Protein backbone atom coordinates (compact mmCIF):
# COMPACT_ATOMS: atom_id res chain seq x y z
CA MET A 1 40.71 -45.04 -63.36
CA ARG A 2 42.49 -48.32 -64.06
CA ARG A 3 42.82 -50.79 -61.26
CA ARG A 4 46.43 -51.60 -60.41
CA ARG A 5 47.59 -54.95 -59.18
CA ALA A 6 50.88 -55.79 -57.51
CA HIS A 7 52.62 -59.11 -57.23
CA ARG A 8 55.87 -60.18 -55.67
CA VAL A 9 58.57 -62.00 -57.61
CA ASP A 10 61.44 -63.66 -55.77
CA VAL A 11 64.73 -64.21 -57.55
CA GLY A 12 66.77 -66.20 -55.08
CA ASP A 13 66.95 -64.06 -51.94
CA LEU A 14 65.99 -60.86 -53.81
CA ALA A 15 62.33 -59.81 -53.67
CA PHE A 16 60.77 -57.52 -56.28
CA ARG A 17 57.27 -56.04 -56.44
CA LEU A 18 55.78 -55.46 -59.90
CA THR A 19 52.75 -53.16 -60.05
CA ALA A 20 50.72 -52.93 -63.25
CA ASP A 21 47.32 -51.92 -64.54
CA ALA A 22 44.89 -54.59 -65.67
CA TRP A 23 45.96 -55.12 -69.28
CA ALA A 24 43.73 -55.36 -72.32
CA PRO A 25 44.54 -58.16 -74.78
CA ASP A 26 46.05 -55.67 -77.27
CA ARG A 27 49.63 -56.93 -77.58
CA THR A 28 50.57 -54.17 -80.02
CA LEU A 29 51.02 -51.72 -77.14
CA PRO A 30 54.59 -51.23 -75.89
CA THR A 31 55.48 -52.45 -72.42
CA VAL A 32 57.17 -49.77 -70.32
CA VAL A 33 58.93 -50.71 -67.08
CA LEU A 34 59.65 -47.96 -64.53
CA VAL A 35 62.63 -48.49 -62.19
CA HIS A 36 63.11 -46.10 -59.27
CA GLY A 37 66.38 -44.77 -57.88
CA ILE A 38 68.27 -45.17 -54.61
CA GLY A 39 66.27 -44.87 -51.39
CA VAL A 40 62.86 -44.41 -52.99
CA SER A 41 60.09 -46.54 -54.50
CA ARG A 42 57.61 -46.79 -57.36
CA ARG A 43 55.45 -44.15 -55.63
CA TYR A 44 57.25 -41.20 -57.23
CA PHE A 45 56.45 -42.71 -60.63
CA ALA A 46 52.70 -42.66 -59.94
CA ARG A 47 51.97 -39.64 -62.14
CA LEU A 48 54.11 -40.84 -65.03
CA HIS A 49 52.64 -44.34 -64.73
CA GLY A 50 49.14 -42.88 -65.03
CA VAL A 51 49.94 -40.81 -68.11
CA LEU A 52 51.79 -43.62 -69.90
CA ALA A 53 49.04 -46.15 -69.15
CA ALA A 54 46.75 -44.48 -71.69
CA ARG A 55 49.07 -45.64 -74.51
CA ALA A 56 51.21 -48.42 -73.11
CA ARG A 57 51.32 -51.39 -70.78
CA VAL A 58 53.11 -50.00 -67.74
CA VAL A 59 54.87 -51.80 -64.90
CA SER A 60 56.31 -49.98 -61.86
CA VAL A 61 58.97 -51.86 -59.91
CA ASP A 62 59.91 -51.84 -56.22
CA LEU A 63 63.45 -53.14 -55.85
CA PRO A 64 64.81 -55.27 -52.98
CA GLY A 65 65.26 -53.23 -49.81
CA PHE A 66 63.18 -50.31 -51.09
CA GLY A 67 59.47 -49.50 -50.99
CA GLY A 68 58.93 -51.82 -48.04
CA MET A 69 60.48 -54.84 -49.76
CA PRO A 70 62.74 -57.10 -47.64
CA LYS A 71 66.37 -56.05 -47.40
CA PRO A 72 68.85 -58.68 -48.59
CA ASP A 73 71.28 -60.12 -46.05
CA ARG A 74 74.17 -59.57 -48.46
CA ASP A 75 75.70 -56.85 -50.55
CA VAL A 76 74.11 -56.42 -53.99
CA ASP A 77 76.06 -54.50 -56.61
CA VAL A 78 74.69 -52.95 -59.80
CA PRO A 79 75.28 -55.97 -62.11
CA THR A 80 73.75 -58.38 -59.59
CA MET A 81 70.66 -56.21 -59.05
CA ALA A 82 70.23 -55.72 -62.81
CA GLY A 83 70.54 -59.43 -63.53
CA ALA A 84 67.93 -60.31 -60.91
CA LEU A 85 65.63 -57.57 -62.23
CA GLY A 86 65.82 -59.14 -65.66
CA GLU A 87 64.75 -62.49 -64.24
CA ALA A 88 61.86 -60.82 -62.41
CA LEU A 89 60.72 -59.13 -65.62
CA ASP A 90 60.76 -62.47 -67.45
CA SER A 91 57.60 -63.25 -65.46
CA LEU A 92 55.73 -60.62 -67.48
CA GLY A 93 55.88 -62.78 -70.59
CA THR A 94 56.10 -59.78 -72.93
CA GLY A 95 58.33 -59.00 -75.88
CA PRO A 96 61.10 -56.40 -75.85
CA ILE A 97 60.38 -53.72 -73.25
CA VAL A 98 61.09 -50.04 -72.79
CA LEU A 99 63.23 -49.78 -69.66
CA VAL A 100 62.95 -46.46 -67.81
CA GLY A 101 65.25 -45.72 -64.87
CA HIS A 102 65.46 -42.60 -62.75
CA SER A 103 68.65 -41.51 -60.97
CA MET A 104 70.40 -44.72 -59.82
CA GLY A 105 67.62 -46.56 -61.64
CA ALA A 106 69.36 -45.41 -64.84
CA GLN A 107 72.38 -47.50 -63.85
CA TRP A 108 70.30 -50.61 -63.23
CA VAL A 109 68.42 -50.34 -66.54
CA VAL A 110 71.56 -49.65 -68.60
CA GLU A 111 73.31 -52.60 -66.98
CA LEU A 112 70.29 -54.83 -67.63
CA ALA A 113 70.27 -53.76 -71.29
CA LEU A 114 73.95 -54.74 -71.52
CA GLN A 115 73.29 -58.15 -69.97
CA ARG A 116 70.04 -58.86 -71.83
CA PRO A 117 69.84 -56.78 -75.03
CA GLU A 118 67.17 -59.11 -76.44
CA LEU A 119 64.87 -58.11 -73.57
CA VAL A 120 65.04 -54.36 -74.27
CA SER A 121 63.93 -52.14 -77.16
CA LEU A 122 64.81 -48.74 -75.64
CA VAL A 123 66.61 -47.52 -72.50
CA VAL A 124 65.45 -44.25 -70.92
CA ALA A 125 67.74 -42.65 -68.34
CA ILE A 126 66.00 -39.88 -66.38
CA GLY A 127 68.32 -37.73 -64.26
CA PRO A 128 71.13 -40.32 -64.56
CA VAL A 129 73.91 -40.61 -61.99
CA ALA A 130 76.65 -40.26 -61.02
CA ASP A 131 77.69 -36.96 -62.54
CA HIS A 132 81.47 -36.43 -62.51
CA ARG A 133 80.93 -33.53 -60.10
CA HIS A 134 79.22 -35.70 -57.47
CA ARG A 135 81.33 -38.82 -57.01
CA THR A 136 81.77 -38.61 -53.26
CA PRO A 137 79.09 -39.06 -50.55
CA THR A 138 79.55 -35.43 -49.52
CA ALA A 139 79.07 -34.12 -53.05
CA GLN A 140 76.00 -36.31 -53.50
CA ALA A 141 74.51 -35.06 -50.23
CA ARG A 142 75.12 -31.45 -51.24
CA ALA A 143 73.47 -31.90 -54.64
CA LEU A 144 70.54 -33.75 -53.03
CA LEU A 145 70.02 -30.91 -50.58
CA VAL A 146 69.99 -28.32 -53.36
CA ASP A 147 67.50 -30.41 -55.31
CA GLY A 148 65.26 -30.79 -52.26
CA LEU A 149 64.83 -27.03 -52.22
CA ARG A 150 63.63 -27.16 -55.84
CA GLU A 151 61.25 -30.12 -55.58
CA PRO A 152 57.56 -29.44 -54.77
CA PRO A 153 56.22 -30.46 -51.34
CA SER A 154 54.34 -33.39 -52.90
CA GLY A 155 57.54 -34.83 -54.32
CA ASN A 156 59.58 -34.26 -51.17
CA ALA A 157 56.91 -35.95 -49.06
CA VAL A 158 57.14 -39.14 -51.12
CA ILE A 159 60.93 -39.11 -51.37
CA LEU A 160 61.64 -38.42 -47.69
CA SER A 161 59.14 -40.97 -46.42
CA ASP A 162 60.66 -43.59 -48.74
CA TYR A 163 64.14 -42.75 -47.44
CA VAL A 164 62.90 -43.43 -43.92
CA ARG A 165 61.47 -46.80 -44.98
CA ALA A 166 64.68 -47.82 -46.74
CA GLY A 167 66.82 -46.86 -43.75
CA PRO A 168 70.38 -45.48 -43.72
CA ALA A 169 72.23 -48.83 -43.74
CA TRP A 170 70.83 -50.14 -47.04
CA TYR A 171 70.98 -46.66 -48.57
CA LEU A 172 74.69 -46.33 -47.79
CA VAL A 173 75.44 -49.79 -49.17
CA GLN A 174 73.83 -48.84 -52.47
CA LEU A 175 75.36 -45.34 -52.46
CA ARG A 176 78.83 -46.88 -52.62
CA HIS A 177 77.84 -48.87 -55.72
CA MET A 178 76.11 -45.86 -57.26
CA ILE A 179 79.17 -43.64 -56.97
CA GLY A 180 81.46 -46.38 -58.27
CA TYR A 181 79.44 -47.50 -61.31
CA PRO A 182 80.97 -46.06 -64.54
CA LEU A 183 77.75 -45.22 -66.41
CA GLU A 184 79.61 -43.18 -69.02
CA ARG A 185 81.56 -46.28 -70.07
CA ALA A 186 78.57 -48.58 -69.82
CA VAL A 187 76.48 -46.59 -72.33
CA GLU A 188 79.26 -46.94 -74.90
CA ARG A 189 78.45 -50.67 -75.15
CA LEU A 190 74.68 -50.36 -75.54
CA GLU A 191 73.19 -52.27 -78.44
CA VAL A 192 69.81 -50.54 -78.09
CA PRO A 193 68.92 -46.85 -78.35
CA LEU A 194 69.31 -44.58 -75.32
CA LEU A 195 67.12 -41.62 -74.40
CA VAL A 196 68.48 -39.28 -71.72
CA VAL A 197 65.92 -37.03 -70.00
CA ARG A 198 66.70 -34.32 -67.45
CA GLY A 199 65.02 -31.35 -65.85
CA GLU A 200 66.63 -28.00 -66.55
CA ARG A 201 66.99 -27.29 -62.81
CA ASP A 202 68.42 -30.71 -61.92
CA PRO A 203 71.57 -30.18 -59.80
CA ILE A 204 72.25 -33.93 -59.57
CA ALA A 205 72.44 -34.81 -63.28
CA GLY A 206 74.04 -31.78 -64.91
CA LEU A 207 73.64 -30.73 -68.53
CA ARG A 208 77.28 -31.35 -69.44
CA TRP A 209 77.12 -34.85 -67.91
CA SER A 210 73.86 -35.65 -69.69
CA ARG A 211 75.33 -34.51 -73.00
CA GLU A 212 78.37 -36.71 -72.40
CA LEU A 213 76.16 -39.78 -71.96
CA ARG A 214 74.27 -38.92 -75.14
CA ASP A 215 77.51 -38.46 -77.10
CA ARG A 216 79.16 -41.64 -75.80
CA ALA A 217 76.25 -43.97 -76.59
CA PRO A 218 76.11 -45.40 -80.13
CA ARG A 219 72.49 -44.27 -80.64
CA ALA A 220 71.16 -41.66 -78.23
CA ARG A 221 69.15 -38.49 -77.81
CA LEU A 222 68.81 -35.96 -75.01
CA VAL A 223 65.52 -34.35 -73.96
CA HIS A 224 65.77 -31.27 -71.76
CA VAL A 225 62.62 -30.29 -69.82
CA PRO A 226 62.74 -26.55 -68.98
CA GLY A 227 62.11 -25.39 -65.43
CA HIS A 228 62.01 -28.79 -63.70
CA PRO A 229 64.18 -30.47 -61.00
CA HIS A 230 65.67 -33.94 -60.59
CA ALA A 231 62.34 -35.79 -60.16
CA VAL A 232 61.09 -34.45 -63.49
CA GLN A 233 58.91 -37.53 -63.97
CA HIS A 234 56.87 -36.30 -60.97
CA THR A 235 56.76 -32.60 -61.80
CA ALA A 236 56.35 -32.92 -65.59
CA PRO A 237 54.87 -36.38 -66.23
CA ARG A 238 53.18 -35.46 -69.51
CA ALA A 239 56.36 -34.04 -71.03
CA VAL A 240 58.38 -37.08 -69.95
CA ALA A 241 55.71 -39.49 -71.16
CA SER A 242 55.54 -37.75 -74.54
CA ALA A 243 59.31 -38.03 -74.94
CA ILE A 244 59.30 -41.74 -74.05
CA LEU A 245 56.41 -42.62 -76.34
CA ALA A 246 57.78 -40.56 -79.24
CA HIS A 247 61.10 -42.41 -79.07
CA THR A 248 59.37 -45.74 -78.57
CA ALA A 249 57.48 -45.17 -81.80
């Protein structure tokens, strides 16, 4: 098992944690960066990180205010968070990276690809939000509850404990930005390819919504993983990793 090391990167008052395996000198391997969604942390990427690490250099990110990282004393919208994330990733010193975002993480990685296209070779949006059907806090809560009944106990344990660590105040601040960010218009301006991935039983990122993102982006594909919920990277890490690596190649 590879040994993982974490280091903190501060961008102004925003603190990020980057967790990576010890890398071999082979620079031909792609660098894949995993960005979690609202309320959670890198922990629900652990399985996908492990599978990808056999064929890529993998970095899992903990964003400011999540995963035990300090909460900013100011509001941080999607463009601001994405811009700071790009500066944090500059510390890796790698070439173009594969940016993978889950749920609200899809918004941050798409926005970063718009701001810094030279930094990114491929954007992967897993279970992207916010679906047209869920653009109110009540609708989001309802979809989240339905999904919780479909997630395995192992996934729910990680997600719920991370929600507790993040706390309701910071969650609600980010929820407002999540609901208001027009992802469907953002993907239209992407200069790099987009891969949309969703679980068949995902009530948060619906099939029609996922197809719309694919069709609006200049270069995009949609991968549908049968039988899996919103956190498909946790329940089907090998299928998700195969899709990412195939499109990276």
